[in-house]
N, C-alpha and C. Protein backbone atom coordinates (compact mmCIF):
# COMPACT_ATOMS: atom_id res chain seq x y z
N UNK A 1 -8.78 -32.23 20.70
CA UNK A 1 -7.52 -31.44 20.85
C UNK A 1 -7.82 -30.03 20.05
N UNK A 2 -7.36 -29.14 20.49
CA UNK A 2 -7.60 -27.70 19.85
C UNK A 2 -6.41 -27.21 19.02
N UNK A 3 -6.53 -26.24 18.55
CA UNK A 3 -5.41 -25.76 17.50
C UNK A 3 -4.02 -25.51 18.19
N UNK A 4 -3.18 -25.83 17.43
CA UNK A 4 -1.84 -25.35 18.03
C UNK A 4 -1.48 -23.79 17.82
N UNK A 5 -0.89 -23.25 18.86
CA UNK A 5 -0.58 -22.07 18.80
C UNK A 5 0.90 -21.67 19.30
N UNK A 6 1.55 -21.20 18.50
CA UNK A 6 3.01 -21.13 18.65
C UNK A 6 3.43 -19.57 18.98
N UNK A 7 4.31 -19.46 19.94
CA UNK A 7 4.94 -18.41 20.28
C UNK A 7 5.79 -17.80 19.22
N UNK A 8 5.89 -16.61 18.69
CA UNK A 8 6.74 -16.00 17.85
C UNK A 8 8.01 -15.30 18.50
N UNK A 9 7.66 -15.24 19.56
CA UNK A 9 8.96 -14.49 20.30
C UNK A 9 10.21 -15.29 20.61
N UNK A 10 11.34 -15.03 20.47
CA UNK A 10 12.53 -15.80 20.97
C UNK A 10 12.97 -15.83 22.22
N UNK A 11 12.15 -14.96 22.87
CA UNK A 11 12.38 -15.08 24.38
C UNK A 11 11.66 -16.18 25.22
N UNK A 12 11.98 -16.56 26.41
CA UNK A 12 11.33 -17.43 26.89
C UNK A 12 10.01 -17.14 27.30
N UNK A 13 8.89 -17.92 27.16
CA UNK A 13 7.63 -17.69 27.40
C UNK A 13 7.49 -17.44 29.07
N UNK A 14 6.72 -16.90 29.62
CA UNK A 14 6.35 -16.87 30.96
C UNK A 14 6.17 -18.24 31.82
N UNK A 15 7.06 -18.62 32.69
CA UNK A 15 6.80 -20.04 33.18
C UNK A 15 7.65 -20.90 32.80
N UNK A 16 8.64 -20.42 31.52
CA UNK A 16 9.40 -21.45 30.98
C UNK A 16 10.43 -22.10 31.88
N UNK A 17 11.17 -23.09 31.50
CA UNK A 17 12.00 -23.76 32.37
C UNK A 17 13.39 -22.78 31.85
N UNK A 18 14.03 -22.22 32.86
CA UNK A 18 15.20 -21.44 32.54
C UNK A 18 16.41 -22.23 32.13
N UNK A 19 16.26 -23.51 32.20
CA UNK A 19 17.31 -24.38 31.62
C UNK A 19 17.33 -24.38 30.14
N UNK A 20 16.24 -24.18 29.54
CA UNK A 20 15.84 -24.25 27.88
C UNK A 20 16.87 -22.86 27.34
N UNK A 21 17.39 -23.08 26.23
CA UNK A 21 18.34 -22.17 25.75
C UNK A 21 17.18 -20.95 25.24
N UNK A 22 17.62 -19.83 25.25
CA UNK A 22 16.97 -18.51 24.81
C UNK A 22 16.22 -18.78 23.41
N UNK A 23 16.89 -19.42 22.70
CA UNK A 23 16.25 -19.85 21.33
C UNK A 23 15.30 -20.85 21.00
N UNK A 24 14.81 -21.38 22.41
CA UNK A 24 13.96 -22.57 22.39
C UNK A 24 12.48 -21.68 22.73
N UNK A 25 11.46 -22.37 22.13
CA UNK A 25 10.10 -22.01 22.41
C UNK A 25 9.13 -22.86 22.92
N UNK A 26 8.09 -22.72 23.29
CA UNK A 26 7.15 -23.68 23.99
C UNK A 26 6.03 -23.49 22.97
N UNK A 27 5.31 -24.60 22.47
CA UNK A 27 4.16 -24.44 21.92
C UNK A 27 3.06 -25.09 22.70
N UNK A 28 2.02 -24.24 22.99
CA UNK A 28 0.89 -24.58 23.63
C UNK A 28 -0.29 -25.11 23.03
N UNK A 29 -0.56 -26.43 23.47
CA UNK A 29 -1.82 -27.39 23.00
C UNK A 29 -2.73 -27.40 24.12
N UNK A 30 -3.74 -26.43 23.93
CA UNK A 30 -4.75 -26.35 24.89
C UNK A 30 -4.41 -26.07 26.13
N UNK A 31 -4.39 -26.82 27.20
CA UNK A 31 -3.99 -26.51 28.56
C UNK A 31 -2.68 -26.96 28.67
N UNK A 32 -1.86 -27.90 28.18
CA UNK A 32 -0.59 -28.35 28.26
C UNK A 32 0.43 -27.82 27.55
N UNK A 33 1.71 -27.81 27.89
CA UNK A 33 2.53 -27.16 27.32
C UNK A 33 3.59 -28.03 27.19
N UNK A 34 4.19 -27.94 25.85
CA UNK A 34 5.21 -29.27 25.47
C UNK A 34 6.50 -28.33 25.04
N UNK A 35 7.84 -28.71 25.41
CA UNK A 35 8.82 -27.84 24.99
C UNK A 35 9.35 -28.42 23.76
N UNK A 36 9.63 -27.42 22.95
CA UNK A 36 10.09 -27.95 21.61
C UNK A 36 11.24 -26.92 21.05
N UNK A 37 12.20 -27.55 20.71
CA UNK A 37 13.61 -26.74 20.18
C UNK A 37 13.33 -26.41 18.98
N UNK A 38 13.73 -25.08 18.70
CA UNK A 38 13.22 -24.37 17.47
C UNK A 38 14.74 -24.37 16.62
N UNK A 39 15.00 -24.97 15.55
CA UNK A 39 16.25 -25.01 15.01
C UNK A 39 16.63 -23.57 14.48
N UNK A 40 17.38 -22.68 14.50
CA UNK A 40 17.43 -21.43 14.03
C UNK A 40 18.84 -21.43 13.08
N UNK A 41 18.49 -21.36 11.83
CA UNK A 41 19.52 -21.33 10.85
C UNK A 41 19.84 -19.81 10.59
N UNK A 42 21.42 -19.68 10.36
CA UNK A 42 21.82 -18.59 10.00
C UNK A 42 21.22 -17.80 8.99
N UNK A 43 20.92 -16.59 8.71
CA UNK A 43 20.20 -15.78 7.64
C UNK A 43 21.27 -14.61 7.50
N UNK A 44 21.08 -14.48 6.07
CA UNK A 44 21.82 -13.01 5.66
C UNK A 44 21.03 -12.20 5.11
N UNK A 45 20.87 -10.83 5.27
CA UNK A 45 19.85 -9.96 4.78
C UNK A 45 20.66 -9.48 3.32
N UNK A 46 19.72 -9.55 2.15
CA UNK A 46 20.35 -9.05 0.92
C UNK A 46 19.32 -7.88 0.56
N UNK A 47 19.77 -7.03 -0.13
CA UNK A 47 19.01 -6.19 -0.72
C UNK A 47 19.06 -6.27 -2.25
N UNK A 48 17.78 -6.55 -2.70
CA UNK A 48 17.60 -6.85 -4.25
C UNK A 48 16.94 -5.57 -4.97
N UNK A 49 17.01 -5.31 -6.26
CA UNK A 49 16.33 -4.47 -7.00
C UNK A 49 15.60 -5.26 -7.97
N UNK A 50 14.29 -4.93 -8.18
CA UNK A 50 13.43 -5.53 -9.40
C UNK A 50 12.68 -4.43 -10.02
N UNK A 51 12.37 -4.67 -11.45
CA UNK A 51 11.50 -3.90 -11.96
C UNK A 51 10.17 -3.62 -11.24
N UNK A 52 9.66 -2.61 -11.58
CA UNK A 52 8.42 -2.43 -10.68
C UNK A 52 7.29 -3.48 -10.83
N UNK A 53 7.30 -3.70 -12.07
CA UNK A 53 6.07 -4.68 -12.43
C UNK A 53 6.45 -6.10 -12.17
N UNK A 54 7.97 -6.37 -12.03
CA UNK A 54 8.23 -7.86 -11.36
C UNK A 54 7.98 -7.86 -9.90
N UNK A 55 8.43 -6.66 -9.09
CA UNK A 55 8.38 -6.45 -7.77
C UNK A 55 6.85 -6.36 -7.41
N UNK A 56 5.74 -5.91 -8.00
CA UNK A 56 4.36 -6.22 -7.88
C UNK A 56 3.91 -7.46 -7.93
N UNK A 57 4.36 -8.19 -8.94
CA UNK A 57 4.14 -9.58 -9.29
C UNK A 57 4.61 -10.56 -8.06
N UNK A 58 5.74 -10.08 -7.43
CA UNK A 58 6.31 -10.97 -6.48
C UNK A 58 5.70 -10.73 -5.33
N UNK A 59 5.19 -9.46 -4.74
CA UNK A 59 4.50 -9.17 -3.83
C UNK A 59 3.18 -9.54 -3.85
N UNK A 60 2.49 -9.81 -4.91
CA UNK A 60 1.20 -10.33 -5.14
C UNK A 60 1.42 -11.96 -5.00
N UNK A 61 2.21 -12.65 -5.43
CA UNK A 61 2.45 -13.87 -5.47
C UNK A 61 2.83 -14.26 -3.91
N UNK A 62 3.54 -13.52 -3.14
CA UNK A 62 3.77 -13.79 -1.79
C UNK A 62 2.73 -13.46 -1.02
N UNK A 63 1.75 -12.55 -1.36
CA UNK A 63 0.53 -12.61 -0.59
C UNK A 63 -0.26 -13.79 -0.31
N UNK A 64 -0.39 -14.50 -1.60
CA UNK A 64 -1.20 -15.67 -1.76
C UNK A 64 -0.23 -16.95 -1.23
N UNK A 65 0.94 -17.10 -1.53
CA UNK A 65 1.68 -18.29 -1.15
C UNK A 65 2.44 -18.33 0.14
N UNK A 66 2.69 -17.13 0.68
CA UNK A 66 3.45 -17.00 1.99
C UNK A 66 2.80 -16.15 3.08
N UNK A 67 1.63 -15.91 2.89
CA UNK A 67 1.07 -14.85 3.86
C UNK A 67 1.60 -13.51 3.74
N UNK A 68 2.04 -13.10 2.47
CA UNK A 68 2.83 -11.68 2.51
C UNK A 68 4.34 -11.72 2.62
N UNK A 69 4.95 -12.86 2.93
CA UNK A 69 6.42 -12.95 3.41
C UNK A 69 7.10 -13.03 2.19
N UNK A 70 7.73 -11.92 1.44
CA UNK A 70 8.40 -11.73 0.29
C UNK A 70 9.77 -12.69 0.44
N UNK A 71 10.34 -12.45 1.56
CA UNK A 71 11.51 -13.09 1.87
C UNK A 71 11.44 -14.68 1.55
N UNK A 72 10.37 -15.16 2.32
CA UNK A 72 10.10 -16.53 2.17
C UNK A 72 9.75 -16.96 0.75
N UNK A 73 9.09 -16.17 0.04
CA UNK A 73 8.65 -16.48 -1.31
C UNK A 73 9.91 -16.39 -2.16
N UNK A 74 10.74 -15.40 -2.03
CA UNK A 74 11.91 -15.41 -2.76
C UNK A 74 13.14 -16.39 -2.50
N UNK A 75 12.97 -16.93 -1.35
CA UNK A 75 14.01 -18.05 -0.73
C UNK A 75 13.31 -19.25 -1.42
N UNK A 76 12.05 -19.48 -1.47
CA UNK A 76 11.64 -20.75 -2.07
C UNK A 76 11.81 -20.70 -3.62
N UNK A 77 11.81 -19.66 -4.39
CA UNK A 77 11.86 -19.50 -5.60
C UNK A 77 13.51 -19.84 -5.87
N UNK A 78 14.42 -19.14 -5.13
CA UNK A 78 15.90 -19.42 -5.43
C UNK A 78 16.04 -21.04 -5.15
N UNK A 79 15.37 -21.74 -4.08
CA UNK A 79 15.71 -23.11 -3.84
C UNK A 79 15.29 -23.93 -5.19
N UNK A 80 13.95 -23.57 -5.74
CA UNK A 80 13.59 -24.23 -6.93
C UNK A 80 14.50 -23.96 -8.10
N UNK A 81 15.05 -22.80 -8.09
CA UNK A 81 15.89 -22.53 -9.11
C UNK A 81 17.27 -23.42 -9.16
N UNK A 82 17.77 -23.36 -7.78
CA UNK A 82 18.97 -24.13 -7.69
C UNK A 82 18.68 -25.71 -7.81
N UNK A 83 17.37 -26.01 -7.49
CA UNK A 83 17.06 -27.62 -7.72
C UNK A 83 17.20 -27.77 -9.35
N UNK A 84 16.72 -27.12 -10.08
CA UNK A 84 16.57 -27.09 -11.49
C UNK A 84 17.94 -27.05 -11.95
N UNK A 85 18.93 -26.21 -11.75
CA UNK A 85 20.17 -26.05 -11.94
C UNK A 85 21.02 -27.47 -11.81
N UNK A 86 20.59 -27.99 -10.48
CA UNK A 86 21.51 -29.12 -10.09
C UNK A 86 20.90 -30.28 -11.02
N UNK A 87 19.60 -30.34 -11.33
CA UNK A 87 19.08 -31.36 -12.31
C UNK A 87 19.43 -31.17 -13.77
N UNK A 88 19.69 -30.12 -14.15
CA UNK A 88 20.36 -29.67 -15.59
C UNK A 88 21.80 -30.28 -15.64
N UNK A 89 22.49 -30.07 -14.47
CA UNK A 89 23.88 -30.43 -14.54
C UNK A 89 24.01 -31.88 -14.30
N UNK A 90 23.16 -32.57 -13.55
CA UNK A 90 23.10 -34.10 -13.56
C UNK A 90 22.72 -34.90 -14.93
N UNK A 91 21.95 -33.81 -15.68
CA UNK A 91 21.57 -34.58 -17.03
C UNK A 91 22.85 -34.30 -17.86
N UNK A 92 23.33 -33.19 -17.84
CA UNK A 92 24.66 -32.76 -18.69
C UNK A 92 25.60 -34.01 -18.42
N UNK A 93 25.90 -34.23 -17.01
CA UNK A 93 27.19 -35.42 -16.78
C UNK A 93 26.49 -36.66 -17.28
N UNK A 94 25.32 -36.94 -17.00
CA UNK A 94 25.00 -38.14 -17.42
C UNK A 94 25.10 -38.17 -19.23
N UNK A 95 24.84 -37.19 -19.81
CA UNK A 95 24.83 -37.43 -21.38
C UNK A 95 26.22 -37.25 -21.78
N UNK A 96 27.25 -36.78 -20.94
CA UNK A 96 28.62 -36.62 -21.19
C UNK A 96 29.08 -37.99 -21.20
N UNK A 97 28.58 -38.72 -20.00
CA UNK A 97 29.21 -40.28 -20.00
C UNK A 97 28.59 -41.21 -20.78
N UNK A 98 27.16 -40.95 -20.79
CA UNK A 98 26.36 -42.19 -21.58
C UNK A 98 25.93 -41.90 -23.01
N UNK A 99 26.10 -40.79 -23.54
CA UNK A 99 25.50 -40.28 -24.75
C UNK A 99 24.26 -39.41 -24.66
N UNK A 100 24.06 -38.83 -25.58
CA UNK A 100 22.62 -38.05 -25.62
C UNK A 100 21.42 -39.09 -25.31
N UNK A 101 20.40 -38.39 -24.63
CA UNK A 101 19.14 -39.26 -24.28
C UNK A 101 18.27 -39.30 -25.70
N UNK A 102 18.14 -40.49 -26.05
CA UNK A 102 17.25 -40.57 -27.31
C UNK A 102 15.82 -40.37 -27.23
N UNK A 103 15.18 -40.26 -28.28
CA UNK A 103 13.91 -39.85 -28.28
C UNK A 103 12.92 -40.91 -27.77
N UNK A 104 13.17 -42.17 -27.90
CA UNK A 104 12.56 -43.21 -27.30
C UNK A 104 12.75 -43.08 -25.63
N UNK A 105 13.89 -42.87 -25.25
CA UNK A 105 13.96 -42.81 -23.78
C UNK A 105 13.10 -41.39 -23.14
N UNK A 106 13.15 -40.46 -24.18
CA UNK A 106 12.38 -39.16 -23.38
C UNK A 106 10.73 -39.76 -23.50
N UNK A 107 10.24 -40.39 -24.62
CA UNK A 107 9.05 -40.91 -24.70
C UNK A 107 8.89 -41.75 -23.49
N UNK A 108 9.58 -42.60 -23.14
CA UNK A 108 9.39 -43.52 -22.18
C UNK A 108 9.32 -42.58 -20.73
N UNK A 109 10.16 -41.71 -20.72
CA UNK A 109 10.21 -40.84 -19.46
C UNK A 109 8.66 -40.05 -19.20
N UNK A 110 8.22 -39.62 -20.43
CA UNK A 110 7.21 -38.85 -20.53
C UNK A 110 5.82 -39.79 -20.00
N UNK A 111 5.93 -40.97 -20.31
CA UNK A 111 4.83 -41.93 -19.94
C UNK A 111 4.85 -42.45 -18.67
N UNK A 112 6.14 -42.35 -18.03
CA UNK A 112 6.18 -42.62 -16.54
C UNK A 112 5.82 -41.50 -15.70
N UNK A 113 6.29 -40.11 -16.15
CA UNK A 113 6.02 -39.04 -15.24
C UNK A 113 5.25 -38.03 -16.06
N UNK A 114 4.11 -38.13 -16.42
CA UNK A 114 3.13 -37.31 -17.27
C UNK A 114 3.36 -35.78 -16.58
N UNK A 115 3.34 -34.85 -17.49
CA UNK A 115 3.23 -33.40 -17.03
C UNK A 115 1.97 -33.20 -16.33
N UNK A 116 2.10 -32.14 -15.44
CA UNK A 116 0.92 -31.85 -14.50
C UNK A 116 0.16 -30.87 -15.58
N UNK A 117 -1.25 -30.99 -15.09
CA UNK A 117 -2.00 -29.86 -15.86
C UNK A 117 -2.88 -30.52 -16.91
């Protein structure tokens, strides 16, 4: 089976079933065509201002990680930041209920989940 090629257009490709919603797309796999519904989530465009050196670093990182898509790179960074905030809040809630995590518990956790690198 050959490589998968996806249409980027939100319009229906030539020969598509007119019953498919306009936001559906077709993925061509060699000679056969399989209908695939693409879930489109609402997005909101934001304008951000960054220091020039930070903007350059983000742009360079986006080139490497997301094929130059700065919005995708920033969205991924925001998701990671929110995930870390949620983990921090869960830890604070745990410690508020059960007391601070002890040095022994921290050492046990380090052995269970060693740091990468």
